Amino acid sequence: MTLPFQNRPTKAEVEEAVRTLLRWAGDNPDREGLQETPSRVVRAYTDFFSGYAHNPDSLLSRTFSEVEGYHDIVLLRDIRFESHCEHHLAPIIGRAHVAYLPHQRVVGISKLARVVDAYARRLQIQERLTVQIANTINDVLKPRGVAVIIEAVHHCMTTRGVHKHNVSMITRSLLGVFETDANMRQELIALINRPTLTES
């Protein structure tokens, strides 16, 4: 779902809404330390929710077929992302592992990370984020299989509500052979769990 941009409020309307929230919190938006806060929040939200401005399908439109017959797992591990919970607007900070089994064509690995960001930088729940990434890769690249595994910390749980720290949530979406072939799943997990290559 993309934001109906024609219905977006103006920058001035958003800044006034932030001023209202500051007053509701019990502070004075006119005091020196808060005078620029509304405009800063507008800039921050432009960054936080920039995913609405991108079409994830188009990020995968350029592919490469000269792969010398390569047909094994392509895995991009530990893609760090930042998102926001749609229920409390609290941060979700995590890492995604994205894998696919190519069928005659591959895509630049940076595009996989961009797809993660395009969906993460929206109001989200982790379950939907996981499925959206997997379905987009599957629909556009038509691979033999797709796997997306996400682990994230939800600040709506750590900084409010139950205040439970050191708790992370894991979700996964397995399509194609990753769903049907147990050996392929085990191979994928082994690759994910391999020691990280360190730069020299």
N, C-alpha and C. Protein backbone atom coordinates (compact mmCIF):
# COMPACT_ATOMS: atom_id res chain seq x y z
N MET A 1 0.85 -1.19 0.00
CA MET A 1 0.00 0.00 0.00
C MET A 1 0.88 1.24 0.00
N THR A 2 0.61 2.17 -0.89
CA THR A 2 1.35 3.42 -0.92
C THR A 2 0.48 4.54 -0.40
N LEU A 3 1.14 5.55 0.13
CA LEU A 3 0.44 6.67 0.72
C LEU A 3 -0.22 7.50 -0.38
N PRO A 4 -1.48 7.88 -0.22
CA PRO A 4 -2.12 8.77 -1.22
C PRO A 4 -1.57 10.18 -1.06
N PHE A 5 -0.50 10.48 -1.80
CA PHE A 5 0.22 11.73 -1.59
C PHE A 5 -0.65 12.95 -1.78
N GLN A 6 -1.69 12.86 -2.63
CA GLN A 6 -2.53 14.02 -2.86
C GLN A 6 -3.30 14.42 -1.59
N ASN A 7 -3.40 13.50 -0.63
CA ASN A 7 -4.12 13.79 0.61
C ASN A 7 -3.19 14.15 1.76
N ARG A 8 -1.92 14.31 1.48
CA ARG A 8 -0.98 14.60 2.55
C ARG A 8 -1.19 16.01 3.08
N PRO A 9 -1.08 16.18 4.39
CA PRO A 9 -1.16 17.54 4.95
C PRO A 9 0.06 18.35 4.55
N THR A 10 -0.05 19.64 4.68
CA THR A 10 1.08 20.50 4.36
C THR A 10 2.12 20.43 5.48
N LYS A 11 3.32 20.89 5.17
CA LYS A 11 4.39 20.94 6.17
C LYS A 11 3.96 21.78 7.37
N ALA A 12 3.28 22.89 7.11
CA ALA A 12 2.83 23.76 8.20
C ALA A 12 1.82 23.04 9.08
N GLU A 13 0.92 22.27 8.48
CA GLU A 13 -0.07 21.52 9.26
C GLU A 13 0.59 20.47 10.15
N VAL A 14 1.62 19.80 9.59
CA VAL A 14 2.33 18.79 10.38
C VAL A 14 3.07 19.45 11.54
N GLU A 15 3.72 20.56 11.27
CA GLU A 15 4.45 21.25 12.34
C GLU A 15 3.50 21.70 13.44
N GLU A 16 2.31 22.15 13.08
CA GLU A 16 1.34 22.56 14.10
C GLU A 16 0.87 21.35 14.90
N ALA A 17 0.74 20.20 14.24
CA ALA A 17 0.37 18.98 14.95
C ALA A 17 1.44 18.59 15.96
N VAL A 18 2.69 18.76 15.60
CA VAL A 18 3.78 18.47 16.54
C VAL A 18 3.74 19.43 17.72
N ARG A 19 3.46 20.69 17.44
CA ARG A 19 3.35 21.66 18.53
C ARG A 19 2.23 21.26 19.49
N THR A 20 1.13 20.76 18.93
CA THR A 20 0.02 20.29 19.77
C THR A 20 0.46 19.13 20.65
N LEU A 21 1.20 18.20 20.10
CA LEU A 21 1.69 17.06 20.88
C LEU A 21 2.63 17.52 21.99
N LEU A 22 3.46 18.50 21.68
CA LEU A 22 4.38 19.01 22.71
C LEU A 22 3.60 19.65 23.85
N ARG A 23 2.56 20.38 23.51
CA ARG A 23 1.73 20.96 24.56
C ARG A 23 1.02 19.88 25.35
N TRP A 24 0.53 18.83 24.66
CA TRP A 24 -0.16 17.74 25.34
C TRP A 24 0.78 17.01 26.28
N ALA A 25 2.07 16.92 25.91
CA ALA A 25 3.06 16.26 26.77
C ALA A 25 3.34 17.08 28.02
N GLY A 26 2.96 18.34 28.00
CA GLY A 26 3.14 19.19 29.17
C GLY A 26 4.22 20.21 29.05
N ASP A 27 4.73 20.40 27.83
CA ASP A 27 5.82 21.37 27.66
C ASP A 27 5.36 22.55 26.82
N ASN A 28 6.23 23.53 26.70
CA ASN A 28 5.93 24.76 25.97
C ASN A 28 6.66 24.75 24.64
N PRO A 29 5.97 24.57 23.51
CA PRO A 29 6.65 24.51 22.23
C PRO A 29 7.33 25.81 21.84
N ASP A 30 7.07 26.89 22.57
CA ASP A 30 7.69 28.17 22.25
C ASP A 30 9.01 28.40 23.00
N ARG A 31 9.34 27.50 23.93
CA ARG A 31 10.60 27.70 24.64
C ARG A 31 11.76 27.41 23.69
N GLU A 32 12.93 27.95 24.01
CA GLU A 32 14.07 27.94 23.10
C GLU A 32 14.41 26.53 22.59
N GLY A 33 14.44 25.57 23.49
CA GLY A 33 14.87 24.23 23.10
C GLY A 33 13.90 23.50 22.20
N LEU A 34 12.64 23.97 22.14
CA LEU A 34 11.63 23.28 21.35
C LEU A 34 11.17 24.06 20.12
N GLN A 35 11.67 25.26 19.95
CA GLN A 35 11.18 26.09 18.85
C GLN A 35 11.39 25.44 17.47
N GLU A 36 12.51 24.76 17.30
CA GLU A 36 12.81 24.13 16.01
C GLU A 36 12.38 22.67 15.94
N THR A 37 11.84 22.14 17.04
CA THR A 37 11.47 20.73 17.08
C THR A 37 10.43 20.35 16.02
N PRO A 38 9.37 21.13 15.80
CA PRO A 38 8.40 20.73 14.77
C PRO A 38 9.03 20.54 13.40
N SER A 39 9.90 21.44 12.98
CA SER A 39 10.53 21.28 11.66
C SER A 39 11.50 20.11 11.66
N ARG A 40 12.16 19.87 12.79
CA ARG A 40 13.06 18.71 12.87
C ARG A 40 12.27 17.41 12.77
N VAL A 41 11.10 17.37 13.40
CA VAL A 41 10.27 16.16 13.35
C VAL A 41 9.80 15.91 11.91
N VAL A 42 9.45 16.96 11.19
CA VAL A 42 9.04 16.81 9.80
C VAL A 42 10.18 16.19 9.00
N ARG A 43 11.40 16.69 9.18
CA ARG A 43 12.54 16.14 8.45
C ARG A 43 12.79 14.69 8.85
N ALA A 44 12.66 14.40 10.14
CA ALA A 44 12.88 13.03 10.61
C ALA A 44 11.84 12.08 10.02
N TYR A 45 10.57 12.51 10.01
CA TYR A 45 9.52 11.66 9.46
C TYR A 45 9.72 11.43 7.96
N THR A 46 10.24 12.43 7.26
CA THR A 46 10.53 12.26 5.84
C THR A 46 11.53 11.13 5.64
N ASP A 47 12.50 11.02 6.55
CA ASP A 47 13.48 9.95 6.49
C ASP A 47 12.90 8.63 6.98
N PHE A 48 12.24 8.66 8.15
CA PHE A 48 11.69 7.43 8.74
C PHE A 48 10.76 6.69 7.78
N PHE A 49 9.95 7.45 7.05
CA PHE A 49 8.89 6.85 6.23
C PHE A 49 9.12 7.07 4.74
N SER A 50 10.38 7.13 4.36
CA SER A 50 10.72 7.33 2.94
C SER A 50 10.35 6.14 2.08
N GLY A 51 10.06 5.00 2.69
CA GLY A 51 9.70 3.82 1.92
C GLY A 51 8.43 3.99 1.11
N TYR A 52 7.53 4.86 1.56
CA TYR A 52 6.29 5.09 0.81
C TYR A 52 6.56 5.71 -0.56
N ALA A 53 7.71 6.34 -0.71
CA ALA A 53 8.03 7.00 -1.98
C ALA A 53 8.67 6.06 -2.99
N HIS A 54 8.90 4.80 -2.61
CA HIS A 54 9.59 3.87 -3.49
C HIS A 54 8.68 2.70 -3.86
N ASN A 55 8.81 2.27 -5.09
CA ASN A 55 8.12 1.08 -5.57
C ASN A 55 9.09 -0.09 -5.49
N PRO A 56 8.93 -1.00 -4.53
CA PRO A 56 9.89 -2.09 -4.37
C PRO A 56 10.05 -2.95 -5.62
N ASP A 57 8.96 -3.13 -6.38
CA ASP A 57 9.07 -3.94 -7.60
C ASP A 57 10.10 -3.36 -8.56
N SER A 58 10.08 -2.04 -8.71
CA SER A 58 10.98 -1.41 -9.68
C SER A 58 12.44 -1.53 -9.26
N LEU A 59 12.69 -1.71 -7.96
CA LEU A 59 14.07 -1.86 -7.50
C LEU A 59 14.70 -3.14 -8.02
N LEU A 60 13.87 -4.11 -8.37
CA LEU A 60 14.37 -5.40 -8.84
C LEU A 60 14.26 -5.55 -10.36
N SER A 61 13.96 -4.47 -11.05
CA SER A 61 13.66 -4.57 -12.48
C SER A 61 14.89 -4.88 -13.33
N ARG A 62 16.07 -4.48 -12.87
CA ARG A 62 17.29 -4.74 -13.65
C ARG A 62 17.94 -6.01 -13.14
N THR A 63 18.01 -7.02 -14.00
CA THR A 63 18.58 -8.30 -13.61
C THR A 63 19.70 -8.67 -14.58
N PHE A 64 20.44 -9.72 -14.22
CA PHE A 64 21.57 -10.17 -15.02
C PHE A 64 21.40 -11.66 -15.31
N SER A 65 21.52 -12.01 -16.59
CA SER A 65 21.35 -13.41 -16.99
C SER A 65 22.67 -14.11 -17.26
N GLU A 66 23.77 -13.38 -17.38
CA GLU A 66 25.07 -14.00 -17.65
C GLU A 66 25.70 -14.46 -16.34
N VAL A 67 25.24 -15.60 -15.85
CA VAL A 67 25.69 -16.10 -14.55
C VAL A 67 26.41 -17.43 -14.66
N GLU A 68 26.77 -17.82 -15.90
CA GLU A 68 27.53 -19.06 -16.13
C GLU A 68 26.86 -20.27 -15.51
N GLY A 69 25.54 -20.27 -15.52
CA GLY A 69 24.82 -21.42 -15.01
C GLY A 69 24.68 -21.48 -13.50
N TYR A 70 25.01 -20.40 -12.79
CA TYR A 70 24.89 -20.42 -11.32
C TYR A 70 23.42 -20.60 -10.94
N HIS A 71 23.17 -21.57 -10.05
CA HIS A 71 21.78 -21.84 -9.68
C HIS A 71 21.64 -22.19 -8.20
N ASP A 72 22.65 -21.87 -7.39
CA ASP A 72 22.60 -22.20 -5.97
C ASP A 72 22.11 -20.99 -5.16
N ILE A 73 22.12 -21.14 -3.84
CA ILE A 73 21.57 -20.11 -2.97
C ILE A 73 22.34 -18.79 -3.10
N VAL A 74 21.61 -17.72 -3.20
CA VAL A 74 22.15 -16.37 -3.06
C VAL A 74 21.60 -15.83 -1.74
N LEU A 75 22.49 -15.51 -0.82
CA LEU A 75 22.07 -15.08 0.52
C LEU A 75 22.74 -13.77 0.89
N LEU A 76 21.95 -12.82 1.31
CA LEU A 76 22.46 -11.57 1.88
C LEU A 76 22.09 -11.56 3.35
N ARG A 77 23.13 -11.63 4.21
CA ARG A 77 22.90 -11.75 5.65
C ARG A 77 22.97 -10.39 6.34
N ASP A 78 22.31 -10.32 7.48
CA ASP A 78 22.50 -9.22 8.41
C ASP A 78 22.25 -7.85 7.79
N ILE A 79 21.14 -7.72 7.07
CA ILE A 79 20.75 -6.42 6.52
C ILE A 79 20.10 -5.64 7.66
N ARG A 80 20.80 -4.66 8.19
CA ARG A 80 20.23 -3.89 9.29
C ARG A 80 19.13 -2.98 8.76
N PHE A 81 18.05 -2.89 9.51
CA PHE A 81 16.96 -2.00 9.10
C PHE A 81 16.37 -1.31 10.32
N GLU A 82 15.71 -0.22 10.05
CA GLU A 82 14.99 0.55 11.07
C GLU A 82 13.58 0.78 10.57
N SER A 83 12.61 0.42 11.39
CA SER A 83 11.22 0.60 11.02
C SER A 83 10.47 1.21 12.20
N HIS A 84 9.17 1.35 12.06
CA HIS A 84 8.34 1.89 13.14
C HIS A 84 7.05 1.10 13.25
N CYS A 85 6.71 0.76 14.47
CA CYS A 85 5.49 0.02 14.77
C CYS A 85 4.27 0.88 14.44
N GLU A 86 3.34 0.31 13.70
CA GLU A 86 2.16 1.09 13.32
C GLU A 86 1.19 1.30 14.48
N HIS A 87 1.39 0.59 15.57
CA HIS A 87 0.47 0.72 16.70
C HIS A 87 0.87 1.83 17.65
N HIS A 88 2.19 2.07 17.81
CA HIS A 88 2.65 3.08 18.77
C HIS A 88 3.67 4.06 18.18
N LEU A 89 4.00 3.88 16.90
CA LEU A 89 5.03 4.69 16.23
C LEU A 89 6.40 4.53 16.91
N ALA A 90 6.60 3.44 17.61
CA ALA A 90 7.87 3.18 18.28
C ALA A 90 8.81 2.46 17.32
N PRO A 91 10.13 2.66 17.49
CA PRO A 91 11.09 2.04 16.57
C PRO A 91 11.08 0.51 16.65
N ILE A 92 11.35 -0.09 15.51
CA ILE A 92 11.64 -1.51 15.38
C ILE A 92 13.03 -1.58 14.75
N ILE A 93 13.99 -2.14 15.46
CA ILE A 93 15.36 -2.20 14.98
C ILE A 93 15.74 -3.66 14.81
N GLY A 94 16.20 -4.02 13.62
CA GLY A 94 16.49 -5.43 13.42
C GLY A 94 17.42 -5.70 12.26
N ARG A 95 17.53 -7.00 11.97
CA ARG A 95 18.34 -7.48 10.86
C ARG A 95 17.54 -8.49 10.06
N ALA A 96 17.72 -8.44 8.76
CA ALA A 96 17.03 -9.36 7.86
C ALA A 96 18.06 -10.21 7.11
N HIS A 97 17.74 -11.48 6.95
CA HIS A 97 18.48 -12.37 6.08
C HIS A 97 17.57 -12.65 4.88
N VAL A 98 18.08 -12.40 3.68
CA VAL A 98 17.28 -12.56 2.47
C VAL A 98 18.01 -13.50 1.52
N ALA A 99 17.32 -14.57 1.10
CA ALA A 99 17.93 -15.55 0.20
C ALA A 99 16.97 -15.90 -0.92
N TYR A 100 17.55 -16.26 -2.05
CA TYR A 100 16.73 -16.78 -3.14
C TYR A 100 17.55 -17.77 -3.96
N LEU A 101 16.85 -18.65 -4.64
CA LEU A 101 17.46 -19.61 -5.57
C LEU A 101 17.15 -19.14 -6.98
N PRO A 102 18.12 -18.58 -7.68
CA PRO A 102 17.83 -17.95 -8.97
C PRO A 102 17.39 -18.95 -10.03
N HIS A 103 16.58 -18.44 -10.93
CA HIS A 103 16.18 -19.20 -12.11
C HIS A 103 16.57 -18.38 -13.33
N GLN A 104 17.78 -18.62 -13.83
CA GLN A 104 18.33 -18.01 -15.04
C GLN A 104 18.75 -16.56 -14.90
N ARG A 105 18.38 -15.89 -13.81
CA ARG A 105 18.81 -14.50 -13.68
C ARG A 105 18.96 -14.14 -12.21
N VAL A 106 19.87 -13.18 -11.98
CA VAL A 106 20.13 -12.70 -10.63
C VAL A 106 19.98 -11.19 -10.62
N VAL A 107 19.95 -10.63 -9.42
CA VAL A 107 19.81 -9.19 -9.26
C VAL A 107 20.96 -8.67 -8.42
N GLY A 108 21.35 -7.42 -8.61
CA GLY A 108 22.41 -6.85 -7.81
C GLY A 108 22.07 -6.92 -6.33
N ILE A 109 23.05 -7.29 -5.50
CA ILE A 109 22.75 -7.55 -4.09
C ILE A 109 22.29 -6.29 -3.36
N SER A 110 22.74 -5.13 -3.80
CA SER A 110 22.29 -3.90 -3.13
C SER A 110 20.79 -3.71 -3.29
N LYS A 111 20.23 -4.28 -4.37
CA LYS A 111 18.79 -4.13 -4.61
C LYS A 111 18.00 -4.90 -3.57
N LEU A 112 18.53 -6.02 -3.09
CA LEU A 112 17.85 -6.77 -2.04
C LEU A 112 17.76 -5.93 -0.77
N ALA A 113 18.86 -5.27 -0.43
CA ALA A 113 18.86 -4.40 0.75
C ALA A 113 17.91 -3.23 0.56
N ARG A 114 17.81 -2.73 -0.66
CA ARG A 114 16.90 -1.60 -0.92
C ARG A 114 15.44 -2.02 -0.80
N VAL A 115 15.14 -3.25 -1.18
CA VAL A 115 13.77 -3.75 -1.02
C VAL A 115 13.42 -3.83 0.46
N VAL A 116 14.36 -4.32 1.27
CA VAL A 116 14.14 -4.37 2.71
C VAL A 116 13.83 -2.97 3.23
N ASP A 117 14.64 -2.00 2.85
CA ASP A 117 14.43 -0.63 3.33
C ASP A 117 13.12 -0.03 2.82
N ALA A 118 12.78 -0.32 1.58
CA ALA A 118 11.55 0.25 1.01
C ALA A 118 10.32 -0.15 1.81
N TYR A 119 10.32 -1.37 2.32
CA TYR A 119 9.20 -1.80 3.15
C TYR A 119 9.38 -1.45 4.62
N ALA A 120 10.63 -1.49 5.09
CA ALA A 120 10.87 -1.19 6.50
C ALA A 120 10.57 0.26 6.83
N ARG A 121 10.86 1.16 5.90
CA ARG A 121 10.65 2.58 6.16
C ARG A 121 9.21 3.00 5.88
N ARG A 122 8.32 2.24 6.48
CA ARG A 122 6.89 2.50 6.48
C ARG A 122 6.37 2.11 7.86
N LEU A 123 5.15 2.46 8.17
CA LEU A 123 4.53 1.96 9.39
C LEU A 123 4.30 0.46 9.21
N GLN A 124 4.79 -0.34 10.15
CA GLN A 124 4.83 -1.78 9.91
C GLN A 124 4.47 -2.60 11.13
N ILE A 125 4.18 -3.87 10.86
CA ILE A 125 4.30 -4.94 11.83
C ILE A 125 5.28 -5.93 11.22
N GLN A 126 6.03 -6.61 12.06
CA GLN A 126 7.13 -7.43 11.54
C GLN A 126 6.64 -8.57 10.66
N GLU A 127 5.51 -9.15 11.02
CA GLU A 127 4.99 -10.26 10.22
C GLU A 127 4.72 -9.83 8.78
N ARG A 128 4.07 -8.67 8.62
CA ARG A 128 3.76 -8.19 7.27
C ARG A 128 5.04 -7.81 6.53
N LEU A 129 5.97 -7.17 7.22
CA LEU A 129 7.24 -6.78 6.60
C LEU A 129 7.93 -8.00 6.01
N THR A 130 7.96 -9.09 6.76
CA THR A 130 8.63 -10.31 6.30
C THR A 130 7.99 -10.85 5.03
N VAL A 131 6.67 -10.90 5.01
CA VAL A 131 5.95 -11.44 3.86
C VAL A 131 6.08 -10.52 2.64
N GLN A 132 6.02 -9.21 2.86
CA GLN A 132 6.12 -8.27 1.75
C GLN A 132 7.45 -8.41 1.02
N ILE A 133 8.53 -8.51 1.77
CA ILE A 133 9.85 -8.66 1.15
C ILE A 133 9.91 -9.95 0.34
N ALA A 134 9.48 -11.05 0.95
CA ALA A 134 9.54 -12.34 0.26
C ALA A 134 8.66 -12.36 -0.99
N ASN A 135 7.44 -11.86 -0.88
CA ASN A 135 6.52 -11.89 -2.02
C ASN A 135 7.02 -11.04 -3.18
N THR A 136 7.61 -9.89 -2.86
CA THR A 136 8.12 -9.02 -3.93
C THR A 136 9.24 -9.70 -4.69
N ILE A 137 10.19 -10.28 -3.98
CA ILE A 137 11.30 -10.98 -4.65
C ILE A 137 10.76 -12.14 -5.47
N ASN A 138 9.82 -12.86 -4.92
CA ASN A 138 9.25 -14.01 -5.62
C ASN A 138 8.48 -13.58 -6.87
N ASP A 139 7.69 -12.53 -6.76
CA ASP A 139 6.85 -12.09 -7.88
C ASP A 139 7.68 -11.50 -9.02
N VAL A 140 8.75 -10.76 -8.68
CA VAL A 140 9.51 -10.06 -9.71
C VAL A 140 10.59 -10.95 -10.32
N LEU A 141 11.35 -11.66 -9.49
CA LEU A 141 12.47 -12.45 -10.00
C LEU A 141 12.05 -13.84 -10.47
N LYS A 142 10.91 -14.33 -10.01
CA LYS A 142 10.45 -15.69 -10.35
C LYS A 142 11.53 -16.73 -10.06
N PRO A 143 12.11 -16.73 -8.87
CA PRO A 143 13.15 -17.70 -8.56
C PRO A 143 12.54 -19.04 -8.19
N ARG A 144 13.40 -20.02 -7.92
CA ARG A 144 12.90 -21.33 -7.51
C ARG A 144 12.53 -21.35 -6.03
N GLY A 145 13.00 -20.36 -5.31
CA GLY A 145 12.66 -20.27 -3.90
C GLY A 145 13.12 -18.95 -3.30
N VAL A 146 12.43 -18.53 -2.25
CA VAL A 146 12.77 -17.30 -1.53
C VAL A 146 12.67 -17.58 -0.04
N ALA A 147 13.60 -17.01 0.71
CA ALA A 147 13.54 -17.11 2.17
C ALA A 147 13.88 -15.75 2.76
N VAL A 148 13.04 -15.31 3.68
CA VAL A 148 13.29 -14.06 4.42
C VAL A 148 13.13 -14.38 5.90
N ILE A 149 14.19 -14.10 6.66
CA ILE A 149 14.17 -14.31 8.10
C ILE A 149 14.55 -12.99 8.76
N ILE A 150 13.71 -12.54 9.68
CA ILE A 150 13.94 -11.25 10.33
C ILE A 150 13.96 -11.44 11.84
N GLU A 151 14.94 -10.80 12.47
CA GLU A 151 14.99 -10.73 13.93
C GLU A 151 15.05 -9.26 14.32
N ALA A 152 14.18 -8.85 15.23
CA ALA A 152 14.11 -7.42 15.55
C ALA A 152 13.71 -7.20 17.00
N VAL A 153 14.11 -6.04 17.51
CA VAL A 153 13.72 -5.57 18.83
C VAL A 153 12.66 -4.50 18.64
N HIS A 154 11.57 -4.62 19.39
CA HIS A 154 10.44 -3.71 19.27
C HIS A 154 10.42 -2.78 20.49
N HIS A 155 10.62 -1.49 20.23
CA HIS A 155 10.66 -0.53 21.34
C HIS A 155 9.29 -0.30 21.96
N CYS A 156 8.23 -0.69 21.27
CA CYS A 156 6.91 -0.60 21.89
C CYS A 156 6.80 -1.61 23.03
N MET A 157 7.73 -2.57 23.08
CA MET A 157 7.73 -3.56 24.15
C MET A 157 8.83 -3.28 25.19
N THR A 158 9.90 -2.61 24.76
CA THR A 158 11.03 -2.38 25.67
C THR A 158 10.96 -1.04 26.38
N THR A 159 10.37 -0.02 25.77
CA THR A 159 10.38 1.32 26.36
C THR A 159 9.02 1.76 26.88
N ARG A 160 8.01 0.92 26.72
CA ARG A 160 6.67 1.22 27.22
C ARG A 160 5.99 -0.11 27.52
N GLY A 161 4.76 -0.04 27.98
CA GLY A 161 3.99 -1.26 28.18
C GLY A 161 4.64 -2.20 29.18
N VAL A 162 4.99 -3.41 28.71
CA VAL A 162 5.53 -4.44 29.62
C VAL A 162 6.98 -4.20 30.00
N HIS A 163 7.69 -3.31 29.28
CA HIS A 163 9.09 -2.98 29.59
C HIS A 163 9.96 -4.23 29.71
N LYS A 164 9.90 -5.09 28.72
CA LYS A 164 10.72 -6.29 28.70
C LYS A 164 11.92 -6.07 27.78
N HIS A 165 13.10 -6.10 28.37
CA HIS A 165 14.33 -5.87 27.61
C HIS A 165 14.97 -7.18 27.18
N ASN A 166 15.91 -7.09 26.27
CA ASN A 166 16.64 -8.26 25.76
C ASN A 166 15.68 -9.29 25.17
N VAL A 167 14.60 -8.82 24.58
CA VAL A 167 13.64 -9.69 23.92
C VAL A 167 13.62 -9.33 22.44
N SER A 168 13.80 -10.33 21.59
CA SER A 168 13.72 -10.09 20.15
C SER A 168 12.67 -11.01 19.55
N MET A 169 12.16 -10.60 18.41
CA MET A 169 11.12 -11.35 17.71
C MET A 169 11.69 -11.86 16.40
N ILE A 170 11.40 -13.11 16.07
CA ILE A 170 11.88 -13.72 14.83
C ILE A 170 10.68 -14.12 13.98
N THR A 171 10.72 -13.73 12.72
CA THR A 171 9.69 -14.13 11.77
C THR A 171 10.38 -14.64 10.51
N ARG A 172 9.67 -15.45 9.77
CA ARG A 172 10.25 -15.95 8.52
C ARG A 172 9.15 -16.19 7.50
N SER A 173 9.54 -16.09 6.23
CA SER A 173 8.66 -16.43 5.13
C SER A 173 9.47 -17.28 4.16
N LEU A 174 9.02 -18.50 3.91
CA LEU A 174 9.70 -19.44 3.03
C LEU A 174 8.79 -19.76 1.86
N LEU A 175 9.30 -19.58 0.66
CA LEU A 175 8.54 -19.84 -0.55
C LEU A 175 9.30 -20.80 -1.46
N GLY A 176 8.58 -21.51 -2.28
CA GLY A 176 9.21 -22.42 -3.24
C GLY A 176 9.95 -23.55 -2.55
N VAL A 177 11.16 -23.85 -3.04
CA VAL A 177 11.90 -25.00 -2.53
C VAL A 177 12.31 -24.83 -1.06
N PHE A 178 12.45 -23.59 -0.60
CA PHE A 178 12.78 -23.40 0.82
C PHE A 178 11.62 -23.86 1.71
N GLU A 179 10.43 -23.83 1.18
CA GLU A 179 9.27 -24.30 1.94
C GLU A 179 9.11 -25.82 1.84
N THR A 180 9.43 -26.37 0.67
CA THR A 180 9.12 -27.78 0.43
C THR A 180 10.29 -28.73 0.66
N ASP A 181 11.53 -28.22 0.66
CA ASP A 181 12.71 -29.08 0.75
C ASP A 181 13.43 -28.85 2.08
N ALA A 182 13.33 -29.81 2.99
CA ALA A 182 13.94 -29.67 4.32
C ALA A 182 15.45 -29.57 4.23
N ASN A 183 16.07 -30.28 3.29
CA ASN A 183 17.53 -30.21 3.15
C ASN A 183 17.97 -28.82 2.73
N MET A 184 17.20 -28.20 1.85
CA MET A 184 17.54 -26.85 1.41
C MET A 184 17.39 -25.86 2.57
N ARG A 185 16.38 -26.05 3.41
CA ARG A 185 16.23 -25.19 4.58
C ARG A 185 17.42 -25.34 5.52
N GLN A 186 17.87 -26.56 5.73
CA GLN A 186 19.00 -26.80 6.62
C GLN A 186 20.27 -26.16 6.06
N GLU A 187 20.44 -26.24 4.74
CA GLU A 187 21.61 -25.62 4.11
C GLU A 187 21.56 -24.10 4.29
N LEU A 188 20.37 -23.53 4.14
CA LEU A 188 20.22 -22.09 4.32
C LEU A 188 20.57 -21.68 5.75
N ILE A 189 20.05 -22.39 6.73
CA ILE A 189 20.32 -22.07 8.14
C ILE A 189 21.81 -22.19 8.43
N ALA A 190 22.46 -23.20 7.86
CA ALA A 190 23.90 -23.36 8.06
C ALA A 190 24.66 -22.16 7.50
N LEU A 191 24.24 -21.66 6.34
CA LEU A 191 24.90 -20.50 5.75
C LEU A 191 24.69 -19.25 6.61
N ILE A 192 23.47 -19.09 7.11
CA ILE A 192 23.18 -17.93 7.95
C ILE A 192 24.03 -17.96 9.22
N ASN A 193 24.24 -19.14 9.76
CA ASN A 193 24.94 -19.28 11.05
C ASN A 193 26.44 -19.36 10.91
N ARG A 194 26.96 -19.34 9.71
CA ARG A 194 28.41 -19.37 9.52
C ARG A 194 29.04 -18.12 10.14
N PRO A 195 30.29 -18.23 10.62
CA PRO A 195 30.98 -17.06 11.17
C PRO A 195 31.01 -15.93 10.14
N THR A 196 30.86 -14.72 10.61
CA THR A 196 30.86 -13.55 9.74
C THR A 196 32.26 -13.28 9.24
N LEU A 197 32.38 -12.99 7.95
CA LEU A 197 33.66 -12.63 7.36
C LEU A 197 34.03 -11.24 7.82
N THR A 198 35.22 -11.10 8.37
CA THR A 198 35.67 -9.79 8.84
C THR A 198 36.62 -9.19 7.82
N GLU A 199 36.53 -7.88 7.65
CA GLU A 199 37.42 -7.20 6.72
C GLU A 199 38.81 -7.08 7.32
N SER A 200 39.82 -7.27 6.48
CA SER A 200 41.20 -7.17 6.96
C SER A 200 41.72 -5.75 6.79
